[in-house]
Amino acid sequence: MTVEKKGKDLLIGAVVGTVLGAVTALLFAPKSGRELRADIAEGVQNVTEKTTQVAGTVADKSKQLAGTISDKTQQTAQVIGKHTSEWAGKAKEAALSWKNGRCESNLVEEAPVAATHEDKNED
């Protein structure tokens, strides 16, 4: 589940719970219709303010998280690209020296990724 979805679910749950609790409390309170309507209007105003605050907080944290993830992804991509280029160059050097009949041991030892093949003698 993504952070954004968790934030939305939390926000929806908080709003619904607050509204239901406020309405239930107001309906069971012994008040006149005018007082009850005033209390409901006040409750709606409070819920609206809190919802706005929570939504702003969730939006800010989501933006921060998205920025952090973007930065980390770019850094990782740069590192992977750099290593891939280095490994490709070393592999090319090794292939060219093997093609030319020279096997330089330092190229083979430095290659970080190497396929191993074991020659089997056929009987």
N, C-alpha and C. Protein backbone atom coordinates (compact mmCIF):
# COMPACT_ATOMS: atom_id res chain seq x y z
N MET A 1 0.85 -1.17 0.00
CA MET A 1 0.00 0.00 0.00
C MET A 1 0.90 1.23 0.00
N THR A 2 0.60 2.16 -0.85
CA THR A 2 1.44 3.34 -0.96
C THR A 2 1.17 4.31 0.18
N VAL A 3 2.13 5.20 0.37
CA VAL A 3 2.01 6.20 1.43
C VAL A 3 0.83 7.12 1.14
N GLU A 4 0.64 7.46 -0.13
CA GLU A 4 -0.45 8.36 -0.50
C GLU A 4 -1.80 7.71 -0.19
N LYS A 5 -1.94 6.42 -0.48
CA LYS A 5 -3.19 5.71 -0.21
C LYS A 5 -3.44 5.62 1.29
N LYS A 6 -2.39 5.35 2.07
CA LYS A 6 -2.53 5.29 3.52
C LYS A 6 -2.98 6.64 4.06
N GLY A 7 -2.41 7.70 3.54
CA GLY A 7 -2.76 9.05 3.98
C GLY A 7 -4.22 9.37 3.67
N LYS A 8 -4.68 8.99 2.47
CA LYS A 8 -6.07 9.23 2.10
C LYS A 8 -7.02 8.42 2.97
N ASP A 9 -6.68 7.16 3.20
CA ASP A 9 -7.52 6.30 4.04
C ASP A 9 -7.61 6.87 5.46
N LEU A 10 -6.49 7.32 5.99
CA LEU A 10 -6.48 7.91 7.33
C LEU A 10 -7.34 9.16 7.37
N LEU A 11 -7.21 9.99 6.37
CA LEU A 11 -7.98 11.23 6.31
C LEU A 11 -9.48 10.94 6.22
N ILE A 12 -9.86 10.02 5.37
CA ILE A 12 -11.27 9.66 5.21
C ILE A 12 -11.82 9.09 6.52
N GLY A 13 -11.07 8.20 7.14
CA GLY A 13 -11.49 7.61 8.41
C GLY A 13 -11.65 8.64 9.51
N ALA A 14 -10.74 9.59 9.57
CA ALA A 14 -10.80 10.64 10.59
C ALA A 14 -12.03 11.52 10.38
N VAL A 15 -12.29 11.89 9.15
CA VAL A 15 -13.43 12.75 8.85
C VAL A 15 -14.74 12.03 9.17
N VAL A 16 -14.88 10.81 8.69
CA VAL A 16 -16.12 10.06 8.91
C VAL A 16 -16.34 9.82 10.40
N GLY A 17 -15.31 9.42 11.11
CA GLY A 17 -15.43 9.18 12.55
C GLY A 17 -15.81 10.43 13.32
N THR A 18 -15.20 11.54 12.97
CA THR A 18 -15.50 12.79 13.65
C THR A 18 -16.93 13.23 13.39
N VAL A 19 -17.36 13.15 12.15
CA VAL A 19 -18.72 13.56 11.81
C VAL A 19 -19.75 12.68 12.51
N LEU A 20 -19.55 11.36 12.45
CA LEU A 20 -20.50 10.45 13.09
C LEU A 20 -20.55 10.67 14.61
N GLY A 21 -19.41 10.84 15.22
CA GLY A 21 -19.37 11.09 16.66
C GLY A 21 -20.06 12.38 17.04
N ALA A 22 -19.81 13.42 16.27
CA ALA A 22 -20.41 14.72 16.57
C ALA A 22 -21.93 14.68 16.40
N VAL A 23 -22.39 14.08 15.30
CA VAL A 23 -23.82 14.00 15.04
C VAL A 23 -24.52 13.17 16.11
N THR A 24 -23.92 12.04 16.48
CA THR A 24 -24.52 11.18 17.51
C THR A 24 -24.61 11.92 18.84
N ALA A 25 -23.56 12.60 19.22
CA ALA A 25 -23.56 13.34 20.49
C ALA A 25 -24.60 14.45 20.48
N LEU A 26 -24.72 15.13 19.36
CA LEU A 26 -25.67 16.23 19.28
C LEU A 26 -27.12 15.74 19.28
N LEU A 27 -27.37 14.64 18.61
CA LEU A 27 -28.74 14.14 18.53
C LEU A 27 -29.23 13.58 19.86
N PHE A 28 -28.35 13.08 20.67
CA PHE A 28 -28.76 12.52 21.94
C PHE A 28 -28.73 13.55 23.08
N ALA A 29 -28.29 14.74 22.81
CA ALA A 29 -28.27 15.79 23.82
C ALA A 29 -29.65 16.43 23.92
N PRO A 30 -30.11 16.72 25.11
CA PRO A 30 -31.44 17.33 25.27
C PRO A 30 -31.39 18.84 25.03
N LYS A 31 -31.57 19.24 23.76
CA LYS A 31 -31.52 20.65 23.41
C LYS A 31 -32.69 20.97 22.48
N SER A 32 -32.95 22.25 22.36
CA SER A 32 -33.99 22.67 21.42
C SER A 32 -33.44 22.59 19.99
N GLY A 33 -34.34 22.67 19.02
CA GLY A 33 -33.94 22.59 17.61
C GLY A 33 -32.95 23.66 17.22
N ARG A 34 -33.17 24.89 17.70
CA ARG A 34 -32.28 25.99 17.36
C ARG A 34 -30.88 25.76 17.93
N GLU A 35 -30.80 25.33 19.17
CA GLU A 35 -29.49 25.05 19.79
C GLU A 35 -28.81 23.88 19.10
N LEU A 36 -29.60 22.87 18.75
CA LEU A 36 -29.04 21.70 18.07
C LEU A 36 -28.46 22.08 16.71
N ARG A 37 -29.18 22.89 15.95
CA ARG A 37 -28.68 23.33 14.63
C ARG A 37 -27.41 24.16 14.78
N ALA A 38 -27.35 25.00 15.80
CA ALA A 38 -26.15 25.81 16.03
C ALA A 38 -24.97 24.92 16.40
N ASP A 39 -25.21 23.90 17.22
CA ASP A 39 -24.14 22.97 17.59
C ASP A 39 -23.67 22.16 16.38
N ILE A 40 -24.61 21.75 15.54
CA ILE A 40 -24.23 20.99 14.33
C ILE A 40 -23.39 21.87 13.41
N ALA A 41 -23.80 23.11 13.23
CA ALA A 41 -23.03 24.03 12.36
C ALA A 41 -21.63 24.24 12.92
N GLU A 42 -21.53 24.38 14.23
CA GLU A 42 -20.20 24.55 14.86
C GLU A 42 -19.35 23.29 14.66
N GLY A 43 -19.98 22.14 14.83
CA GLY A 43 -19.26 20.87 14.63
C GLY A 43 -18.75 20.72 13.21
N VAL A 44 -19.58 21.09 12.25
CA VAL A 44 -19.18 21.02 10.84
C VAL A 44 -18.01 21.97 10.59
N GLN A 45 -18.06 23.15 11.17
CA GLN A 45 -16.97 24.12 11.01
C GLN A 45 -15.66 23.55 11.58
N ASN A 46 -15.74 22.93 12.76
CA ASN A 46 -14.54 22.34 13.38
C ASN A 46 -13.98 21.21 12.52
N VAL A 47 -14.86 20.37 12.02
CA VAL A 47 -14.42 19.25 11.17
C VAL A 47 -13.76 19.78 9.90
N THR A 48 -14.34 20.81 9.32
CA THR A 48 -13.78 21.40 8.10
C THR A 48 -12.37 21.94 8.36
N GLU A 49 -12.18 22.63 9.45
CA GLU A 49 -10.86 23.18 9.78
C GLU A 49 -9.84 22.07 10.01
N LYS A 50 -10.22 21.06 10.77
CA LYS A 50 -9.29 19.96 11.05
C LYS A 50 -8.95 19.19 9.78
N THR A 51 -9.95 18.99 8.93
CA THR A 51 -9.71 18.29 7.67
C THR A 51 -8.73 19.06 6.79
N THR A 52 -8.89 20.35 6.75
CA THR A 52 -7.98 21.19 5.97
C THR A 52 -6.55 21.10 6.51
N GLN A 53 -6.41 21.12 7.82
CA GLN A 53 -5.09 21.00 8.44
C GLN A 53 -4.45 19.65 8.12
N VAL A 54 -5.21 18.59 8.29
CA VAL A 54 -4.68 17.24 8.03
C VAL A 54 -4.32 17.08 6.56
N ALA A 55 -5.17 17.57 5.67
CA ALA A 55 -4.90 17.47 4.24
C ALA A 55 -3.61 18.22 3.88
N GLY A 56 -3.41 19.39 4.47
CA GLY A 56 -2.18 20.14 4.21
C GLY A 56 -0.95 19.40 4.70
N THR A 57 -1.06 18.80 5.88
CA THR A 57 0.06 18.04 6.43
C THR A 57 0.38 16.83 5.56
N VAL A 58 -0.65 16.10 5.15
CA VAL A 58 -0.45 14.92 4.30
C VAL A 58 0.17 15.34 2.96
N ALA A 59 -0.29 16.42 2.39
CA ALA A 59 0.25 16.89 1.11
C ALA A 59 1.73 17.26 1.25
N ASP A 60 2.09 17.96 2.32
CA ASP A 60 3.48 18.36 2.53
C ASP A 60 4.38 17.13 2.70
N LYS A 61 3.93 16.19 3.51
CA LYS A 61 4.75 14.99 3.74
C LYS A 61 4.88 14.16 2.47
N SER A 62 3.82 14.10 1.67
CA SER A 62 3.86 13.36 0.41
C SER A 62 4.85 14.00 -0.56
N LYS A 63 4.85 15.33 -0.61
CA LYS A 63 5.80 16.03 -1.49
C LYS A 63 7.24 15.78 -1.05
N GLN A 64 7.48 15.82 0.27
CA GLN A 64 8.82 15.56 0.78
C GLN A 64 9.28 14.15 0.45
N LEU A 65 8.39 13.19 0.65
CA LEU A 65 8.71 11.80 0.36
C LEU A 65 8.97 11.59 -1.13
N ALA A 66 8.15 12.19 -1.97
CA ALA A 66 8.34 12.07 -3.41
C ALA A 66 9.69 12.68 -3.83
N GLY A 67 10.04 13.80 -3.26
CA GLY A 67 11.34 14.42 -3.57
C GLY A 67 12.50 13.55 -3.14
N THR A 68 12.40 12.97 -1.95
CA THR A 68 13.46 12.09 -1.46
C THR A 68 13.61 10.86 -2.35
N ILE A 69 12.50 10.26 -2.71
CA ILE A 69 12.53 9.07 -3.57
C ILE A 69 13.12 9.42 -4.93
N SER A 70 12.74 10.56 -5.48
CA SER A 70 13.26 10.99 -6.77
C SER A 70 14.77 11.19 -6.72
N ASP A 71 15.26 11.84 -5.67
CA ASP A 71 16.70 12.06 -5.53
C ASP A 71 17.45 10.74 -5.41
N LYS A 72 16.95 9.85 -4.57
CA LYS A 72 17.61 8.56 -4.39
C LYS A 72 17.62 7.76 -5.68
N THR A 73 16.52 7.81 -6.43
CA THR A 73 16.43 7.07 -7.69
C THR A 73 17.44 7.62 -8.70
N GLN A 74 17.57 8.92 -8.78
CA GLN A 74 18.52 9.52 -9.71
C GLN A 74 19.96 9.17 -9.33
N GLN A 75 20.27 9.21 -8.05
CA GLN A 75 21.61 8.86 -7.60
C GLN A 75 21.93 7.40 -7.93
N THR A 76 20.98 6.52 -7.67
CA THR A 76 21.18 5.10 -7.95
C THR A 76 21.36 4.87 -9.44
N ALA A 77 20.56 5.52 -10.26
CA ALA A 77 20.67 5.37 -11.71
C ALA A 77 22.04 5.84 -12.20
N GLN A 78 22.55 6.93 -11.64
CA GLN A 78 23.86 7.42 -12.04
C GLN A 78 24.96 6.43 -11.67
N VAL A 79 24.89 5.88 -10.47
CA VAL A 79 25.89 4.92 -10.02
C VAL A 79 25.85 3.66 -10.90
N ILE A 80 24.65 3.17 -11.16
CA ILE A 80 24.51 1.97 -11.99
C ILE A 80 25.03 2.25 -13.40
N GLY A 81 24.71 3.40 -13.95
CA GLY A 81 25.20 3.76 -15.28
C GLY A 81 26.72 3.83 -15.33
N LYS A 82 27.31 4.40 -14.30
CA LYS A 82 28.77 4.53 -14.25
C LYS A 82 29.43 3.15 -14.18
N HIS A 83 28.91 2.29 -13.30
CA HIS A 83 29.49 0.95 -13.17
C HIS A 83 29.27 0.13 -14.43
N THR A 84 28.13 0.26 -15.05
CA THR A 84 27.86 -0.49 -16.28
C THR A 84 28.82 -0.07 -17.37
N SER A 85 29.07 1.22 -17.49
CA SER A 85 30.02 1.70 -18.51
C SER A 85 31.43 1.17 -18.24
N GLU A 86 31.83 1.20 -16.97
CA GLU A 86 33.16 0.68 -16.62
C GLU A 86 33.27 -0.80 -16.95
N TRP A 87 32.25 -1.57 -16.57
CA TRP A 87 32.28 -3.02 -16.80
C TRP A 87 32.26 -3.34 -18.30
N ALA A 88 31.49 -2.57 -19.06
CA ALA A 88 31.44 -2.78 -20.50
C ALA A 88 32.80 -2.51 -21.13
N GLY A 89 33.45 -1.45 -20.67
CA GLY A 89 34.79 -1.13 -21.19
C GLY A 89 35.80 -2.22 -20.88
N LYS A 90 35.76 -2.73 -19.65
CA LYS A 90 36.68 -3.81 -19.27
C LYS A 90 36.40 -5.08 -20.05
N ALA A 91 35.13 -5.38 -20.26
CA ALA A 91 34.77 -6.57 -21.03
C ALA A 91 35.23 -6.42 -22.48
N LYS A 92 35.09 -5.24 -23.03
CA LYS A 92 35.53 -4.99 -24.41
C LYS A 92 37.05 -5.14 -24.53
N GLU A 93 37.78 -4.59 -23.55
CA GLU A 93 39.24 -4.72 -23.55
C GLU A 93 39.65 -6.19 -23.48
N ALA A 94 39.01 -6.93 -22.59
CA ALA A 94 39.34 -8.35 -22.44
C ALA A 94 39.03 -9.11 -23.72
N ALA A 95 37.89 -8.83 -24.34
CA ALA A 95 37.52 -9.53 -25.58
C ALA A 95 38.50 -9.20 -26.70
N LEU A 96 38.91 -7.95 -26.80
CA LEU A 96 39.86 -7.57 -27.85
C LEU A 96 41.22 -8.22 -27.63
N SER A 97 41.67 -8.29 -26.38
CA SER A 97 42.98 -8.90 -26.15
C SER A 97 42.92 -10.41 -26.38
N TRP A 98 41.79 -11.05 -26.05
CA TRP A 98 41.66 -12.49 -26.34
C TRP A 98 41.58 -12.72 -27.85
N LYS A 99 40.93 -11.82 -28.55
CA LYS A 99 40.81 -11.94 -30.00
C LYS A 99 42.18 -11.81 -30.66
N ASN A 100 43.00 -10.95 -30.11
CA ASN A 100 44.34 -10.72 -30.67
C ASN A 100 45.35 -11.74 -30.18
N GLY A 101 44.90 -12.70 -29.39
CA GLY A 101 45.80 -13.75 -28.94
C GLY A 101 46.54 -13.44 -27.67
N ARG A 102 46.23 -12.35 -27.05
CA ARG A 102 46.86 -12.01 -25.79
C ARG A 102 45.83 -12.11 -24.69
N CYS A 103 46.20 -12.76 -23.65
CA CYS A 103 45.31 -12.85 -22.50
C CYS A 103 46.01 -12.16 -21.34
N GLU A 104 45.60 -10.96 -21.07
CA GLU A 104 46.19 -10.21 -19.97
C GLU A 104 45.47 -10.57 -18.69
N SER A 105 46.21 -11.10 -17.74
CA SER A 105 45.59 -11.59 -16.51
C SER A 105 44.96 -10.47 -15.68
N ASN A 106 45.50 -9.26 -15.76
CA ASN A 106 44.93 -8.19 -14.95
C ASN A 106 43.53 -7.79 -15.42
N LEU A 107 43.24 -7.93 -16.70
CA LEU A 107 41.90 -7.63 -17.18
C LEU A 107 40.90 -8.65 -16.67
N VAL A 108 41.32 -9.89 -16.66
CA VAL A 108 40.42 -10.95 -16.23
C VAL A 108 40.15 -10.84 -14.73
N GLU A 109 41.18 -10.53 -13.96
CA GLU A 109 41.02 -10.44 -12.51
C GLU A 109 40.19 -9.24 -12.10
N GLU A 110 40.25 -8.15 -12.84
CA GLU A 110 39.54 -6.93 -12.46
C GLU A 110 38.06 -6.96 -12.85
N ALA A 111 37.70 -7.81 -13.77
CA ALA A 111 36.31 -7.83 -14.21
C ALA A 111 35.41 -8.23 -13.04
N PRO A 112 34.47 -7.38 -12.65
CA PRO A 112 33.64 -7.66 -11.49
C PRO A 112 32.60 -8.74 -11.75
N VAL A 113 32.21 -8.88 -13.00
CA VAL A 113 31.22 -9.89 -13.34
C VAL A 113 31.85 -10.77 -14.41
N ALA A 114 31.97 -12.05 -14.12
CA ALA A 114 32.58 -12.93 -15.09
C ALA A 114 31.81 -14.23 -15.13
N ALA A 115 31.65 -14.74 -16.32
CA ALA A 115 31.02 -16.04 -16.47
C ALA A 115 32.12 -17.08 -16.37
N THR A 116 31.89 -18.10 -15.61
CA THR A 116 32.88 -19.15 -15.47
C THR A 116 32.41 -20.36 -16.26
N HIS A 117 33.36 -20.99 -16.88
CA HIS A 117 33.07 -22.17 -17.66
C HIS A 117 34.13 -23.21 -17.35
N GLU A 118 33.67 -24.37 -16.99
CA GLU A 118 34.59 -25.43 -16.64
C GLU A 118 34.64 -26.41 -17.81
N ASP A 119 35.83 -26.57 -18.37
CA ASP A 119 35.98 -27.52 -19.47
C ASP A 119 35.99 -28.92 -18.90
N LYS A 120 35.18 -29.77 -19.50
CA LYS A 120 35.12 -31.15 -19.06
C LYS A 120 35.77 -32.03 -20.12
N ASN A 121 36.61 -32.90 -19.67
CA ASN A 121 37.26 -33.84 -20.57
C ASN A 121 36.28 -34.96 -20.88
N GLU A 122 36.10 -35.20 -22.16
CA GLU A 122 35.22 -36.29 -22.55
C GLU A 122 36.03 -37.56 -22.60
N ASP A 123 35.48 -38.60 -22.01
CA ASP A 123 36.18 -39.89 -21.99
C ASP A 123 35.93 -40.68 -23.25
